[in-house]
Amino acid sequence: MINRRKTRQIQLGNVTVGGGAPITVQSMTKTDTRDVQATLLEIWALEAAGCEIVRCARSSGRSASRSSPTSTSTTSSR
């Protein structure tokens, strides 16, 4: 059996991470976040493949200023 490091449990939307919670499938987008449609399509494809947490990194300072912060979970409607 693998010994897991003790961590603090947190909630990301409806997903529990750490503190003995089951391991979650997560990924990170690779699209240019200035291309909102491509990024959303990638997120939806990851969700359809079973990904529970999707991380996005902004491509540049300009891409961050063009969008508003949002949070979604895999159970949210599109």
PDB file of N, CA and C in Angstrom:
ATOM      1  N   MET A   1       0.837  -1.186   0.000  1.00  0.00           N
ATOM      2  CA  MET A   1       0.000   0.000   0.000  1.00  0.00           C
ATOM      3  C   MET A   1       0.882   1.250   0.000  1.00  0.00           C
ATOM      4  N   ILE A   2       0.475   2.244  -0.733  1.00  0.00           N
ATOM      5  CA  ILE A   2       1.216   3.497  -0.814  1.00  0.00           C
ATOM      6  C   ILE A   2       0.804   4.397   0.349  1.00  0.00           C
ATOM      7  N   ASN A   3       1.768   4.959   1.043  1.00  0.00           N
ATOM      8  CA  ASN A   3       1.481   5.907   2.118  1.00  0.00           C
ATOM      9  C   ASN A   3       1.312   7.292   1.519  1.00  0.00           C
ATOM     10  N   ARG A   4       0.133   7.879   1.715  1.00  0.00           N
ATOM     11  CA  ARG A   4      -0.136   9.220   1.211  1.00  0.00           C
ATOM     12  C   ARG A   4       0.191  10.247   2.283  1.00  0.00           C
ATOM     13  N   ARG A   5       0.760  11.348   1.861  1.00  0.00           N
ATOM     14  CA  ARG A   5       1.089  12.439   2.768  1.00  0.00           C
ATOM     15  C   ARG A   5      -0.205  13.044   3.317  1.00  0.00           C
ATOM     16  N   LYS A   6      -0.229  13.371   4.608  1.00  0.00           N
ATOM     17  CA  LYS A   6      -1.410  13.994   5.211  1.00  0.00           C
ATOM     18  C   LYS A   6      -1.532  15.426   4.712  1.00  0.00           C
ATOM     19  N   THR A   7      -2.717  15.756   4.236  1.00  0.00           N
ATOM     20  CA  THR A   7      -2.975  17.092   3.712  1.00  0.00           C
ATOM     21  C   THR A   7      -4.291  17.620   4.254  1.00  0.00           C
ATOM     22  N   ARG A   8      -4.486  18.896   4.091  1.00  0.00           N
ATOM     23  CA  ARG A   8      -5.718  19.551   4.500  1.00  0.00           C
ATOM     24  C   ARG A   8      -6.764  19.349   3.399  1.00  0.00           C
ATOM     25  N   GLN A   9      -7.998  19.087   3.771  1.00  0.00           N
ATOM     26  CA  GLN A   9      -9.069  18.866   2.806  1.00  0.00           C
ATOM     27  C   GLN A   9      -9.710  20.190   2.417  1.00  0.00           C
ATOM     28  N   ILE A  10      -9.918  20.382   1.106  1.00  0.00           N
ATOM     29  CA  ILE A  10     -10.580  21.588   0.597  1.00  0.00           C
ATOM     30  C   ILE A  10     -11.658  21.189  -0.399  1.00  0.00           C
ATOM     31  N   GLN A  11     -12.542  22.118  -0.702  1.00  0.00           N
ATOM     32  CA  GLN A  11     -13.587  21.927  -1.700  1.00  0.00           C
ATOM     33  C   GLN A  11     -13.291  22.822  -2.895  1.00  0.00           C
ATOM     34  N   LEU A  12     -13.320  22.259  -4.093  1.00  0.00           N
ATOM     35  CA  LEU A  12     -13.259  23.018  -5.346  1.00  0.00           C
ATOM     36  C   LEU A  12     -14.595  22.778  -6.033  1.00  0.00           C
ATOM     37  N   GLY A  13     -15.527  23.703  -5.844  1.00  0.00           N
ATOM     38  CA  GLY A  13     -16.880  23.469  -6.340  1.00  0.00           C
ATOM     39  C   GLY A  13     -17.476  22.305  -5.579  1.00  0.00           C
ATOM     40  N   ASN A  14     -17.855  21.252  -6.283  1.00  0.00           N
ATOM     41  CA  ASN A  14     -18.423  20.078  -5.615  1.00  0.00           C
ATOM     42  C   ASN A  14     -17.411  18.934  -5.509  1.00  0.00           C
ATOM     43  N   VAL A  15     -16.136  19.222  -5.746  1.00  0.00           N
ATOM     44  CA  VAL A  15     -15.078  18.208  -5.693  1.00  0.00           C
ATOM     45  C   VAL A  15     -14.249  18.408  -4.423  1.00  0.00           C
ATOM     46  N   THR A  16     -14.087  17.345  -3.631  1.00  0.00           N
ATOM     47  CA  THR A  16     -13.263  17.381  -2.431  1.00  0.00           C
ATOM     48  C   THR A  16     -11.855  16.926  -2.791  1.00  0.00           C
ATOM     49  N   VAL A  17     -10.856  17.685  -2.348  1.00  0.00           N
ATOM     50  CA  VAL A  17      -9.453  17.385  -2.649  1.00  0.00           C
ATOM     51  C   VAL A  17      -8.679  17.349  -1.341  1.00  0.00           C
ATOM     52  N   GLY A  18      -7.781  16.369  -1.208  1.00  0.00           N
ATOM     53  CA  GLY A  18      -6.913  16.283  -0.040  1.00  0.00           C
ATOM     54  C   GLY A  18      -7.593  15.655   1.155  1.00  0.00           C
ATOM     55  N   GLY A  19      -6.832  15.522   2.230  1.00  0.00           N
ATOM     56  CA  GLY A  19      -7.374  15.024   3.487  1.00  0.00           C
ATOM     57  C   GLY A  19      -8.004  13.647   3.411  1.00  0.00           C
ATOM     58  N   GLY A  20      -7.478  12.773   2.581  1.00  0.00           N
ATOM     59  CA  GLY A  20      -8.016  11.422   2.483  1.00  0.00           C
ATOM     60  C   GLY A  20      -9.124  11.263   1.452  1.00  0.00           C
ATOM     61  N   ALA A  21      -9.481  12.354   0.749  1.00  0.00           N
ATOM     62  CA  ALA A  21     -10.505  12.256  -0.304  1.00  0.00           C
ATOM     63  C   ALA A  21      -9.961  11.396  -1.447  1.00  0.00           C
ATOM     64  N   PRO A  22     -10.841  10.786  -2.210  1.00  0.00           N
ATOM     65  CA  PRO A  22     -10.379   9.996  -3.357  1.00  0.00           C
ATOM     66  C   PRO A  22      -9.566  10.866  -4.323  1.00  0.00           C
ATOM     67  N   ILE A  23      -8.624  10.246  -5.023  1.00  0.00           N
ATOM     68  CA  ILE A  23      -7.820  10.967  -6.004  1.00  0.00           C
ATOM     69  C   ILE A  23      -8.721  11.419  -7.142  1.00  0.00           C
ATOM     70  N   THR A  24      -8.558  12.666  -7.597  1.00  0.00           N
ATOM     71  CA  THR A  24      -9.390  13.215  -8.662  1.00  0.00           C
ATOM     72  C   THR A  24      -8.604  13.286  -9.962  1.00  0.00           C
ATOM     73  N   VAL A  25      -9.335  13.189 -11.065  1.00  0.00           N
ATOM     74  CA  VAL A  25      -8.739  13.361 -12.387  1.00  0.00           C
ATOM     75  C   VAL A  25      -8.735  14.855 -12.682  1.00  0.00           C
ATOM     76  N   GLN A  26      -7.547  15.383 -13.009  1.00  0.00           N
ATOM     77  CA  GLN A  26      -7.457  16.804 -13.322  1.00  0.00           C
ATOM     78  C   GLN A  26      -6.501  17.021 -14.476  1.00  0.00           C
ATOM     79  N   SER A  27      -6.697  18.151 -15.152  1.00  0.00           N
ATOM     80  CA  SER A  27      -5.856  18.488 -16.283  1.00  0.00           C
ATOM     81  C   SER A  27      -5.760  20.002 -16.392  1.00  0.00           C
ATOM     82  N   MET A  28      -4.960  20.442 -17.352  1.00  0.00           N
ATOM     83  CA  MET A  28      -4.778  21.869 -17.587  1.00  0.00           C
ATOM     84  C   MET A  28      -4.969  22.132 -19.072  1.00  0.00           C
ATOM     85  N   THR A  29      -5.646  23.231 -19.398  1.00  0.00           N
ATOM     86  CA  THR A  29      -5.858  23.544 -20.801  1.00  0.00           C
ATOM     87  C   THR A  29      -4.544  23.949 -21.454  1.00  0.00           C
ATOM     88  N   LYS A  30      -4.463  23.712 -22.766  1.00  0.00           N
ATOM     89  CA  LYS A  30      -3.267  24.108 -23.502  1.00  0.00           C
ATOM     90  C   LYS A  30      -3.581  25.111 -24.603  1.00  0.00           C
ATOM     91  N   THR A  31      -4.840  25.513 -24.709  1.00  0.00           N
ATOM     92  CA  THR A  31      -5.229  26.492 -25.718  1.00  0.00           C
ATOM     93  C   THR A  31      -4.816  27.891 -25.286  1.00  0.00           C
ATOM     94  N   ASP A  32      -4.738  28.791 -26.259  1.00  0.00           N
ATOM     95  CA  ASP A  32      -4.502  30.200 -25.962  1.00  0.00           C
ATOM     96  C   ASP A  32      -5.790  30.729 -25.349  1.00  0.00           C
ATOM     97  N   THR A  33      -5.748  31.185 -24.109  1.00  0.00           N
ATOM     98  CA  THR A  33      -6.975  31.588 -23.411  1.00  0.00           C
ATOM     99  C   THR A  33      -7.620  32.824 -24.022  1.00  0.00           C
ATOM    100  N   ARG A  34      -6.918  33.522 -24.902  1.00  0.00           N
ATOM    101  CA  ARG A  34      -7.554  34.628 -25.624  1.00  0.00           C
ATOM    102  C   ARG A  34      -8.578  34.098 -26.614  1.00  0.00           C
ATOM    103  N   ASP A  35      -8.451  32.834 -26.997  1.00  0.00           N
ATOM    104  CA  ASP A  35      -9.430  32.170 -27.863  1.00  0.00           C
ATOM    105  C   ASP A  35     -10.435  31.465 -26.954  1.00  0.00           C
ATOM    106  N   VAL A  36     -11.421  32.214 -26.527  1.00  0.00           N
ATOM    107  CA  VAL A  36     -12.381  31.728 -25.535  1.00  0.00           C
ATOM    108  C   VAL A  36     -13.117  30.489 -26.039  1.00  0.00           C
ATOM    109  N   GLN A  37     -13.564  30.497 -27.286  1.00  0.00           N
ATOM    110  CA  GLN A  37     -14.318  29.354 -27.813  1.00  0.00           C
ATOM    111  C   GLN A  37     -13.478  28.082 -27.801  1.00  0.00           C
ATOM    112  N   ALA A  38     -12.219  28.168 -28.235  1.00  0.00           N
ATOM    113  CA  ALA A  38     -11.347  26.989 -28.247  1.00  0.00           C
ATOM    114  C   ALA A  38     -11.086  26.486 -26.828  1.00  0.00           C
ATOM    115  N   THR A  39     -10.917  27.413 -25.896  1.00  0.00           N
ATOM    116  CA  THR A  39     -10.669  27.028 -24.505  1.00  0.00           C
ATOM    117  C   THR A  39     -11.894  26.335 -23.913  1.00  0.00           C
ATOM    118  N   LEU A  40     -13.080  26.883 -24.175  1.00  0.00           N
ATOM    119  CA  LEU A  40     -14.300  26.244 -23.684  1.00  0.00           C
ATOM    120  C   LEU A  40     -14.495  24.864 -24.298  1.00  0.00           C
ATOM    121  N   LEU A  41     -14.226  24.725 -25.594  1.00  0.00           N
ATOM    122  CA  LEU A  41     -14.350  23.418 -26.234  1.00  0.00           C
ATOM    123  C   LEU A  41     -13.393  22.409 -25.601  1.00  0.00           C
ATOM    124  N   GLU A  42     -12.182  22.864 -25.280  1.00  0.00           N
ATOM    125  CA  GLU A  42     -11.227  21.962 -24.633  1.00  0.00           C
ATOM    126  C   GLU A  42     -11.706  21.561 -23.238  1.00  0.00           C
ATOM    127  N   ILE A  43     -12.232  22.519 -22.486  1.00  0.00           N
ATOM    128  CA  ILE A  43     -12.746  22.228 -21.141  1.00  0.00           C
ATOM    129  C   ILE A  43     -13.885  21.214 -21.225  1.00  0.00           C
ATOM    130  N   TRP A  44     -14.804  21.412 -22.161  1.00  0.00           N
ATOM    131  CA  TRP A  44     -15.941  20.497 -22.299  1.00  0.00           C
ATOM    132  C   TRP A  44     -15.479  19.111 -22.733  1.00  0.00           C
ATOM    133  N   ALA A  45     -14.458  19.036 -23.586  1.00  0.00           N
ATOM    134  CA  ALA A  45     -13.925  17.731 -24.005  1.00  0.00           C
ATOM    135  C   ALA A  45     -13.269  17.019 -22.819  1.00  0.00           C
ATOM    136  N   LEU A  46     -12.539  17.766 -21.996  1.00  0.00           N
ATOM    137  CA  LEU A  46     -11.925  17.174 -20.807  1.00  0.00           C
ATOM    138  C   LEU A  46     -12.997  16.673 -19.847  1.00  0.00           C
ATOM    139  N   GLU A  47     -14.058  17.455 -19.686  1.00  0.00           N
ATOM    140  CA  GLU A  47     -15.170  17.038 -18.825  1.00  0.00           C
ATOM    141  C   GLU A  47     -15.799  15.754 -19.346  1.00  0.00           C
ATOM    142  N   ALA A  48     -16.028  15.683 -20.646  1.00  0.00           N
ATOM    143  CA  ALA A  48     -16.632  14.487 -21.248  1.00  0.00           C
ATOM    144  C   ALA A  48     -15.744  13.258 -21.073  1.00  0.00           C
ATOM    145  N   ALA A  49     -14.427  13.477 -20.985  1.00  0.00           N
ATOM    146  CA  ALA A  49     -13.478  12.376 -20.808  1.00  0.00           C
ATOM    147  C   ALA A  49     -13.347  11.956 -19.345  1.00  0.00           C
ATOM    148  N   GLY A  50     -14.046  12.659 -18.438  1.00  0.00           N
ATOM    149  CA  GLY A  50     -14.020  12.273 -17.030  1.00  0.00           C
ATOM    150  C   GLY A  50     -13.179  13.160 -16.134  1.00  0.00           C
ATOM    151  N   CYS A  51     -12.670  14.254 -16.666  1.00  0.00           N
ATOM    152  CA  CYS A  51     -11.855  15.173 -15.871  1.00  0.00           C
ATOM    153  C   CYS A  51     -12.748  15.903 -14.868  1.00  0.00           C
ATOM    154  N   GLU A  52     -12.318  15.918 -13.603  1.00  0.00           N
ATOM    155  CA  GLU A  52     -13.111  16.555 -12.549  1.00  0.00           C
ATOM    156  C   GLU A  52     -12.644  17.975 -12.240  1.00  0.00           C
ATOM    157  N   ILE A  53     -11.378  18.273 -12.481  1.00  0.00           N
ATOM    158  CA  ILE A  53     -10.827  19.605 -12.237  1.00  0.00           C
ATOM    159  C   ILE A  53     -10.061  20.016 -13.488  1.00  0.00           C
ATOM    160  N   VAL A  54     -10.370  21.209 -14.011  1.00  0.00           N
ATOM    161  CA  VAL A  54      -9.653  21.747 -15.164  1.00  0.00           C
ATOM    162  C   VAL A  54      -9.031  23.069 -14.749  1.00  0.00           C
ATOM    163  N   ARG A  55      -7.721  23.180 -14.966  1.00  0.00           N
ATOM    164  CA  ARG A  55      -6.993  24.403 -14.639  1.00  0.00           C
ATOM    165  C   ARG A  55      -6.687  25.155 -15.925  1.00  0.00           C
ATOM    166  N   CYS A  56      -6.814  26.474 -15.874  1.00  0.00           N
ATOM    167  CA  CYS A  56      -6.504  27.327 -17.024  1.00  0.00           C
ATOM    168  C   CYS A  56      -5.490  28.373 -16.587  1.00  0.00           C
ATOM    169  N   ALA A  57      -4.478  28.583 -17.418  1.00  0.00           N
ATOM    170  CA  ALA A  57      -3.496  29.646 -17.167  1.00  0.00           C
ATOM    171  C   ALA A  57      -3.669  30.697 -18.247  1.00  0.00           C
ATOM    172  N   ARG A  58      -3.641  31.933 -17.847  1.00  0.00           N
ATOM    173  CA  ARG A  58      -3.800  32.995 -18.843  1.00  0.00           C
ATOM    174  C   ARG A  58      -2.560  33.068 -19.720  1.00  0.00           C
ATOM    175  N   SER A  59      -2.769  33.406 -20.967  1.00  0.00           N
ATOM    176  CA  SER A  59      -1.669  33.475 -21.922  1.00  0.00           C
ATOM    177  C   SER A  59      -0.832  34.728 -21.739  1.00  0.00           C
ATOM    178  N   SER A  60      -1.490  35.824 -21.360  1.00  0.00           N
ATOM    179  CA  SER A  60      -0.784  37.094 -21.170  1.00  0.00           C
ATOM    180  C   SER A  60      -1.611  37.992 -20.275  1.00  0.00           C
ATOM    181  N   GLY A  61      -1.049  39.094 -19.858  1.00  0.00           N
ATOM    182  CA  GLY A  61      -1.783  40.050 -19.036  1.00  0.00           C
ATOM    183  C   GLY A  61      -3.013  40.574 -19.744  1.00  0.00           C
ATOM    184  N   ARG A  62      -2.905  40.745 -21.064  1.00  0.00           N
ATOM    185  CA  ARG A  62      -4.043  41.244 -21.838  1.00  0.00           C
ATOM    186  C   ARG A  62      -5.201  40.261 -21.829  1.00  0.00           C
ATOM    187  N   SER A  63      -4.910  38.954 -21.908  1.00  0.00           N
ATOM    188  CA  SER A  63      -6.005  37.978 -21.939  1.00  0.00           C
ATOM    189  C   SER A  63      -6.755  37.975 -20.618  1.00  0.00           C
ATOM    190  N   ALA A  64      -6.060  38.222 -19.522  1.00  0.00           N
ATOM    191  CA  ALA A  64      -6.719  38.245 -18.217  1.00  0.00           C
ATOM    192  C   ALA A  64      -7.611  39.473 -18.080  1.00  0.00           C
ATOM    193  N   SER A  65      -7.187  40.594 -18.642  1.00  0.00           N
ATOM    194  CA  SER A  65      -7.964  41.819 -18.497  1.00  0.00           C
ATOM    195  C   SER A  65      -9.217  41.808 -19.367  1.00  0.00           C
ATOM    196  N   ARG A  66      -9.256  40.952 -20.378  1.00  0.00           N
ATOM    197  CA  ARG A  66     -10.415  40.879 -21.267  1.00  0.00           C
ATOM    198  C   ARG A  66     -11.528  39.999 -20.728  1.00  0.00           C
ATOM    199  N   SER A  67     -11.235  39.200 -19.738  1.00  0.00           N
ATOM    200  CA  SER A  67     -12.246  38.281 -19.229  1.00  0.00           C
ATOM    201  C   SER A  67     -12.553  38.588 -17.777  1.00  0.00           C
ATOM    202  N   SER A  68     -13.715  38.134 -17.357  1.00  0.00           N
ATOM    203  CA  SER A  68     -14.063  38.283 -15.955  1.00  0.00           C
ATOM    204  C   SER A  68     -13.855  36.949 -15.267  1.00  0.00           C
ATOM    205  N   PRO A  69     -13.498  36.955 -13.974  1.00  0.00           N
ATOM    206  CA  PRO A  69     -13.271  35.679 -13.281  1.00  0.00           C
ATOM    207  C   PRO A  69     -14.558  34.888 -13.168  1.00  0.00           C
ATOM    208  N   THR A  70     -14.474  33.598 -13.489  1.00  0.00           N
ATOM    209  CA  THR A  70     -15.637  32.726 -13.370  1.00  0.00           C
ATOM    210  C   THR A  70     -15.195  31.419 -12.752  1.00  0.00           C
ATOM    211  N   SER A  71     -16.126  30.723 -12.182  1.00  0.00           N
ATOM    212  CA  SER A  71     -15.849  29.419 -11.600  1.00  0.00           C
ATOM    213  C   SER A  71     -16.928  28.469 -12.044  1.00  0.00           C
ATOM    214  N   THR A  72     -16.526  27.301 -12.553  1.00  0.00           N
ATOM    215  CA  THR A  72     -17.509  26.311 -12.963  1.00  0.00           C
ATOM    216  C   THR A  72     -17.128  24.969 -12.370  1.00  0.00           C
ATOM    217  N   SER A  73     -18.079  24.116 -12.244  1.00  0.00           N
ATOM    218  CA  SER A  73     -17.811  22.753 -11.816  1.00  0.00           C
ATOM    219  C   SER A  73     -18.364  21.809 -12.865  1.00  0.00           C
ATOM    220  N   THR A  74     -17.991  20.549 -12.775  1.00  0.00           N
ATOM    221  CA  THR A  74     -18.410  19.602 -13.798  1.00  0.00           C
ATOM    222  C   THR A  74     -19.907  19.332 -13.775  1.00  0.00           C
ATOM    223  N   THR A  75     -20.595  19.788 -12.750  1.00  0.00           N
ATOM    224  CA  THR A  75     -22.041  19.580 -12.709  1.00  0.00           C
ATOM    225  C   THR A  75     -22.807  20.812 -13.176  1.00  0.00           C
ATOM    226  N   SER A  76     -22.093  21.875 -13.550  1.00  0.00           N
ATOM    227  CA  SER A  76     -22.786  23.081 -13.992  1.00  0.00           C
ATOM    228  C   SER A  76     -23.323  22.893 -15.406  1.00  0.00           C
ATOM    229  N   SER A  77     -24.372  23.625 -15.719  1.00  0.00           N
ATOM    230  CA  SER A  77     -24.928  23.546 -17.067  1.00  0.00           C
ATOM    231  C   SER A  77     -24.214  24.552 -17.950  1.00  0.00           C
ATOM    232  N   ARG A  78     -24.194  24.282 -19.233  1.00  0.00           N
ATOM    233  CA  ARG A  78     -23.509  25.187 -20.177  1.00  0.00           C
ATOM    234  C   ARG A  78     -24.485  26.184 -20.695  1.00  0.00           C
TER     235      ARG A  78
END
